[in-house]
């Protein structure tokens, strides 16, 4: 699970077979987003601002479960 450079996000992990994206925030809250295409994950990793990318391309676009 790669650590990322972000003031809001600590780590992100993608499971390709299930298309699940797990995000661990610096607060300790962990969310799993369902049905996320691999390309979105790859762009997320490359984004200069992980928080901005999350807000614009993931939040409110995919069903999620809070896992912690």
N, C-alpha and C. Protein backbone atom coordinates (compact mmCIF):
# COMPACT_ATOMS: atom_id res chain seq x y z
N UNK A 1 0.85 -1.16 0.00
CA UNK A 1 0.00 0.00 0.00
C UNK A 1 0.90 1.23 0.00
N UNK A 2 0.91 1.97 -1.11
CA UNK A 2 1.84 3.09 -1.18
C UNK A 2 1.46 4.25 -0.26
N UNK A 3 2.48 4.76 0.44
CA UNK A 3 2.32 6.01 1.17
C UNK A 3 2.39 7.12 0.14
N UNK A 4 1.65 8.17 0.36
CA UNK A 4 1.65 9.29 -0.59
C UNK A 4 1.98 10.58 0.14
N UNK A 5 2.42 11.54 -0.62
CA UNK A 5 2.72 12.85 -0.07
C UNK A 5 1.46 13.71 -0.14
N UNK A 6 0.82 13.89 1.01
CA UNK A 6 -0.43 14.63 1.06
C UNK A 6 -0.68 15.09 2.48
N UNK A 7 -1.32 16.22 2.63
CA UNK A 7 -1.67 16.69 3.97
C UNK A 7 -2.94 16.03 4.48
N UNK A 8 -3.71 15.38 3.60
CA UNK A 8 -4.98 14.77 3.99
C UNK A 8 -4.98 13.25 3.89
N UNK A 9 -4.18 12.70 2.97
CA UNK A 9 -4.22 11.27 2.68
C UNK A 9 -2.89 10.63 3.03
N UNK A 10 -2.97 9.54 3.78
CA UNK A 10 -1.77 8.85 4.23
C UNK A 10 -1.35 7.75 3.25
N UNK A 11 -2.30 6.88 2.89
CA UNK A 11 -2.00 5.76 2.00
C UNK A 11 -3.19 5.46 1.10
N UNK A 12 -2.87 4.87 -0.06
CA UNK A 12 -3.93 4.41 -0.96
C UNK A 12 -3.55 3.02 -1.47
N UNK A 13 -4.57 2.22 -1.69
CA UNK A 13 -4.35 0.86 -2.19
C UNK A 13 -5.45 0.54 -3.19
N UNK A 14 -5.07 -0.14 -4.26
CA UNK A 14 -6.05 -0.52 -5.28
C UNK A 14 -6.00 -2.02 -5.49
N UNK A 15 -7.17 -2.64 -5.49
CA UNK A 15 -7.30 -4.06 -5.80
C UNK A 15 -7.97 -4.17 -7.16
N UNK A 16 -7.19 -4.52 -8.16
CA UNK A 16 -7.70 -4.52 -9.53
C UNK A 16 -8.83 -5.52 -9.79
N UNK A 17 -8.74 -6.77 -9.32
CA UNK A 17 -9.83 -7.71 -9.61
C UNK A 17 -11.20 -7.24 -9.10
N UNK A 18 -11.21 -6.61 -7.93
CA UNK A 18 -12.49 -6.16 -7.35
C UNK A 18 -12.78 -4.69 -7.67
N UNK A 19 -11.80 -4.00 -8.24
CA UNK A 19 -11.91 -2.56 -8.55
C UNK A 19 -12.24 -1.74 -7.30
N UNK A 20 -11.59 -2.11 -6.19
CA UNK A 20 -11.78 -1.39 -4.93
C UNK A 20 -10.56 -0.53 -4.64
N UNK A 21 -10.83 0.71 -4.28
CA UNK A 21 -9.79 1.67 -3.92
C UNK A 21 -9.94 1.98 -2.44
N UNK A 22 -8.91 1.65 -1.66
CA UNK A 22 -8.94 1.92 -0.23
C UNK A 22 -8.05 3.12 0.06
N UNK A 23 -8.60 4.07 0.78
CA UNK A 23 -7.87 5.29 1.11
C UNK A 23 -7.83 5.43 2.63
N UNK A 24 -6.62 5.60 3.15
CA UNK A 24 -6.44 5.86 4.58
C UNK A 24 -6.07 7.33 4.71
N UNK A 25 -6.90 8.06 5.43
CA UNK A 25 -6.67 9.48 5.64
C UNK A 25 -5.79 9.69 6.86
N UNK A 26 -5.18 10.85 6.97
CA UNK A 26 -4.29 11.13 8.09
C UNK A 26 -5.03 11.10 9.42
N UNK A 27 -6.34 11.25 9.39
CA UNK A 27 -7.16 11.18 10.60
C UNK A 27 -7.30 9.75 11.11
N UNK A 28 -6.91 8.78 10.25
CA UNK A 28 -7.08 7.38 10.61
C UNK A 28 -8.31 6.77 10.00
N UNK A 29 -9.22 7.60 9.49
CA UNK A 29 -10.41 7.08 8.83
C UNK A 29 -10.01 6.37 7.54
N UNK A 30 -10.64 5.22 7.31
CA UNK A 30 -10.34 4.43 6.13
C UNK A 30 -11.63 4.19 5.36
N UNK A 31 -11.59 4.45 4.07
CA UNK A 31 -12.75 4.26 3.21
C UNK A 31 -12.38 3.38 2.03
N UNK A 32 -13.31 2.54 1.63
CA UNK A 32 -13.13 1.71 0.45
C UNK A 32 -14.16 2.16 -0.58
N UNK A 33 -13.67 2.56 -1.75
CA UNK A 33 -14.53 3.01 -2.85
C UNK A 33 -14.66 1.87 -3.85
N UNK A 34 -15.88 1.62 -4.30
CA UNK A 34 -16.19 0.46 -5.12
C UNK A 34 -16.37 0.83 -6.59
N UNK A 35 -15.89 -0.05 -7.48
CA UNK A 35 -16.08 0.14 -8.91
C UNK A 35 -15.17 1.18 -9.53
N UNK A 36 -14.04 1.42 -8.92
CA UNK A 36 -13.11 2.45 -9.41
C UNK A 36 -12.24 1.87 -10.53
N UNK A 37 -12.23 2.49 -11.70
CA UNK A 37 -11.37 1.99 -12.78
C UNK A 37 -9.88 2.16 -12.45
N UNK A 38 -9.07 1.26 -12.97
CA UNK A 38 -7.62 1.32 -12.71
C UNK A 38 -7.03 2.66 -13.15
N UNK A 39 -7.50 3.21 -14.25
CA UNK A 39 -6.98 4.48 -14.74
C UNK A 39 -7.17 5.60 -13.72
N UNK A 40 -8.28 5.59 -13.01
CA UNK A 40 -8.51 6.60 -11.96
C UNK A 40 -7.48 6.43 -10.86
N UNK A 41 -7.22 5.21 -10.45
CA UNK A 41 -6.19 4.94 -9.44
C UNK A 41 -4.81 5.43 -9.91
N UNK A 42 -4.46 5.10 -11.14
CA UNK A 42 -3.15 5.51 -11.66
C UNK A 42 -3.02 7.03 -11.70
N UNK A 43 -4.07 7.70 -12.12
CA UNK A 43 -4.04 9.17 -12.14
C UNK A 43 -3.98 9.75 -10.73
N UNK A 44 -4.65 9.09 -9.80
CA UNK A 44 -4.62 9.49 -8.40
C UNK A 44 -3.18 9.45 -7.89
N UNK A 45 -2.47 8.37 -8.17
CA UNK A 45 -1.08 8.24 -7.74
C UNK A 45 -0.21 9.35 -8.31
N UNK A 46 -0.48 9.75 -9.55
CA UNK A 46 0.34 10.74 -10.24
C UNK A 46 -0.06 12.19 -9.95
N UNK A 47 -1.21 12.39 -9.35
CA UNK A 47 -1.71 13.75 -9.12
C UNK A 47 -0.79 14.55 -8.20
N UNK A 48 -0.57 15.80 -8.57
CA UNK A 48 0.25 16.68 -7.73
C UNK A 48 -0.41 16.91 -6.38
N UNK A 49 -1.73 17.05 -6.38
CA UNK A 49 -2.48 17.24 -5.15
C UNK A 49 -3.45 16.08 -5.00
N UNK A 50 -3.14 15.18 -4.07
CA UNK A 50 -4.01 14.02 -3.85
C UNK A 50 -5.39 14.45 -3.35
N UNK A 51 -5.43 15.44 -2.47
CA UNK A 51 -6.71 15.91 -1.94
C UNK A 51 -7.60 16.50 -3.00
N UNK A 52 -7.03 17.31 -3.88
CA UNK A 52 -7.81 17.90 -4.97
C UNK A 52 -8.31 16.83 -5.91
N UNK A 53 -7.45 15.88 -6.26
CA UNK A 53 -7.87 14.80 -7.15
C UNK A 53 -8.99 14.00 -6.51
N UNK A 54 -8.84 13.67 -5.24
CA UNK A 54 -9.88 12.93 -4.52
C UNK A 54 -11.21 13.67 -4.59
N UNK A 55 -11.19 14.95 -4.27
CA UNK A 55 -12.43 15.73 -4.27
C UNK A 55 -13.07 15.86 -5.64
N UNK A 56 -12.27 15.95 -6.68
CA UNK A 56 -12.79 16.16 -8.03
C UNK A 56 -13.14 14.87 -8.78
N UNK A 57 -12.48 13.76 -8.43
CA UNK A 57 -12.65 12.56 -9.25
C UNK A 57 -13.12 11.31 -8.52
N UNK A 58 -13.14 11.35 -7.19
CA UNK A 58 -13.53 10.14 -6.45
C UNK A 58 -14.70 10.42 -5.50
N UNK A 59 -14.55 11.41 -4.66
CA UNK A 59 -15.58 11.73 -3.68
C UNK A 59 -16.91 12.01 -4.39
N UNK A 60 -17.97 11.44 -3.88
CA UNK A 60 -19.33 11.62 -4.41
C UNK A 60 -19.51 11.03 -5.81
N UNK A 61 -18.55 10.25 -6.30
CA UNK A 61 -18.69 9.61 -7.63
C UNK A 61 -18.80 8.09 -7.53
N UNK A 62 -18.31 7.53 -6.44
CA UNK A 62 -18.30 6.08 -6.27
C UNK A 62 -18.93 5.72 -4.93
N UNK A 63 -19.63 4.60 -4.93
CA UNK A 63 -20.17 4.07 -3.67
C UNK A 63 -18.99 3.73 -2.76
N UNK A 64 -19.18 3.88 -1.46
CA UNK A 64 -18.07 3.60 -0.54
C UNK A 64 -18.59 2.99 0.75
N UNK A 65 -17.67 2.39 1.46
CA UNK A 65 -17.92 1.92 2.81
C UNK A 65 -16.80 2.43 3.69
N UNK A 66 -17.15 2.82 4.91
CA UNK A 66 -16.11 3.20 5.85
C UNK A 66 -15.67 1.93 6.55
N UNK A 67 -14.39 1.67 6.50
CA UNK A 67 -13.90 0.41 7.02
C UNK A 67 -13.15 0.56 8.33
N UNK A 68 -13.10 1.76 8.84
CA UNK A 68 -12.44 1.98 10.13
C UNK A 68 -12.97 3.22 10.77
